[in-house]
Protein backbone atom coordinates (compact mmCIF):
# COMPACT_ATOMS: atom_id res chain seq x y z
CA MET A 1 92.93 125.82 70.42
CA THR A 2 91.42 128.34 72.82
CA PRO A 3 91.09 132.10 72.26
CA PHE A 4 93.86 132.65 74.81
CA GLY A 5 96.10 130.03 73.18
CA GLU A 6 95.55 131.57 69.77
CA ARG A 7 96.49 135.04 71.05
CA LEU A 8 99.51 133.72 72.95
CA ARG A 9 100.80 132.00 69.83
CA ALA A 10 100.27 135.19 67.81
CA LEU A 11 102.18 137.25 70.39
CA ARG A 12 105.11 134.84 70.25
CA ALA A 13 105.09 134.87 66.44
CA GLU A 14 104.91 138.68 66.26
CA ARG A 15 107.96 138.94 68.50
CA GLY A 16 109.86 135.94 67.14
CA VAL A 17 109.93 134.13 70.49
CA THR A 18 110.15 130.34 70.81
CA GLN A 19 108.05 128.39 73.29
CA LYS A 20 111.24 127.17 74.93
CA ASP A 21 112.62 130.67 75.49
CA MET A 22 109.33 132.07 76.71
CA ALA A 23 108.69 129.12 79.01
CA ALA A 24 112.11 129.50 80.62
CA ALA A 25 111.56 133.24 81.10
CA ILE A 26 108.16 132.89 82.82
CA GLY A 27 108.99 129.77 84.83
CA VAL A 28 106.94 127.04 83.16
CA SER A 29 107.86 124.12 80.97
CA ALA A 30 107.74 124.34 77.19
CA ALA A 31 105.36 121.35 77.25
CA TYR A 32 102.95 123.25 79.49
CA LEU A 33 103.14 126.33 77.27
CA SER A 34 102.44 124.17 74.22
CA ALA A 35 99.47 122.53 75.95
CA LEU A 36 98.14 125.96 76.93
CA GLU A 37 98.39 127.20 73.35
CA HIS A 38 96.70 124.09 71.95
CA GLY A 39 93.84 124.09 74.47
CA ARG A 40 94.91 120.91 76.21
CA ARG A 41 95.20 122.77 79.52
CA GLY A 42 92.63 124.91 81.27
CA ALA A 43 92.76 128.67 81.55
CA PRO A 44 95.99 129.98 83.09
CA THR A 45 96.14 131.37 86.60
CA TRP A 46 96.05 135.11 87.20
CA THR A 47 99.70 134.92 88.28
CA LEU A 48 100.72 133.32 84.98
CA ILE A 49 98.69 135.86 83.00
CA GLN A 50 100.58 138.62 84.82
CA LYS A 51 103.92 136.98 83.98
CA ILE A 52 102.93 136.79 80.30
CA ILE A 53 101.80 140.42 80.31
CA GLY A 54 105.13 141.42 81.84
CA TYR A 55 107.13 139.22 79.50
CA PHE A 56 105.61 140.82 76.41
CA ASN A 57 105.44 144.26 78.06
CA ILE A 58 101.73 144.48 77.25
CA ILE A 59 99.94 147.57 78.51
CA TRP A 60 96.42 148.69 79.40
CA ASP A 61 93.74 147.61 76.94
CA ASP A 62 95.85 144.82 75.45
CA ALA A 63 96.52 143.43 78.94
CA GLU A 64 92.82 143.54 79.79
CA GLU A 65 92.00 141.81 76.50
CA LEU A 66 94.52 139.03 77.22
CA ALA A 67 93.02 138.52 80.68
CA ARG A 68 89.50 138.45 79.18
CA LEU A 69 90.59 135.86 76.62
CA ALA A 70 92.03 133.72 79.41
CA GLU A 71 88.72 133.83 81.30
CA GLY A 72 86.91 132.54 78.22
CA SER A 73 89.40 129.80 77.42
CA HIS A 74 88.32 126.84 79.48
CA PRO A 75 88.44 124.02 76.89
CA ARG A 76 86.12 121.75 78.91
CA VAL A 77 83.04 123.72 79.79
CA ARG A 78 80.46 122.43 82.24
CA LEU A 79 77.07 124.03 82.67
CA ASP A 80 74.69 123.45 85.54
CA THR A 81 71.23 124.57 84.52
CA SER A 82 69.44 123.17 87.55
CA GLY A 83 67.16 125.86 88.89
CA LEU A 84 67.13 127.70 85.57
CA SER A 85 64.31 127.79 83.05
CA PRO A 86 63.66 125.01 80.53
CA ALA A 87 64.79 127.44 77.82
CA ALA A 88 68.20 127.78 79.50
CA THR A 89 68.59 124.01 79.68
CA GLU A 90 67.54 123.61 76.06
CA LEU A 91 70.02 126.26 74.91
CA ALA A 92 72.89 124.69 76.86
CA ASN A 93 72.17 121.23 75.48
CA LEU A 94 71.62 122.44 71.93
CA LEU A 95 74.96 124.19 71.93
CA ALA A 96 76.77 121.28 73.59
CA GLU A 97 75.39 118.79 71.09
CA ASN A 98 76.00 120.88 67.97
CA ILE A 99 78.88 123.30 68.46
CA GLU A 100 81.22 121.27 66.23
CA LYS A 101 78.76 121.63 63.35
CA LEU A 102 78.96 125.43 63.32
CA ASP A 103 81.50 127.29 61.20
CA GLU A 104 83.57 130.23 62.46
CA ASP A 105 81.20 132.89 61.11
CA GLU A 106 78.21 131.21 62.76
CA LEU A 107 80.08 130.92 66.05
CA ARG A 108 81.08 134.59 65.95
CA GLY A 109 77.47 135.56 65.16
CA ILE A 110 76.10 133.57 68.09
CA THR A 111 78.77 134.99 70.41
CA PHE A 112 77.95 138.52 69.23
CA SER A 113 74.23 137.96 69.83
CA ILE A 114 74.78 136.67 73.35
CA ARG A 115 77.15 139.53 74.22
CA ALA A 116 74.59 142.01 72.84
CA ALA A 117 71.79 140.44 74.91
CA LEU A 118 73.94 140.59 78.03
CA GLY A 119 74.82 144.21 77.34
CA ARG A 120 71.17 145.20 77.13
CA ARG A 121 70.58 143.85 80.64
CA ARG A 122 73.18 146.06 82.33
């Protein structure tokens, strides 16, 4: 499951909406919506994100958060480190080879550290 899929499922559960009903309302199939929630499809298009935001009547910060989650929800990530430092290549490979061995707390910690490092550079 992707971060976007997890949030989408939570929104449906909070509002008591079935995949079938939501899919019909936003113009996609229930199978596609299921695949999106389970991370078997890539990140949704901006148009679909807008339909979901409208469907749930999500405003401001929550809408931005949903869009941010969608951006970070590509289940098949590819990294091209050509032209980057050896340290960048090592980090990309280390993560790719070992991500399934990390628990949720470790993953959140690593994500926090990377976001903090990126924030310091702005």
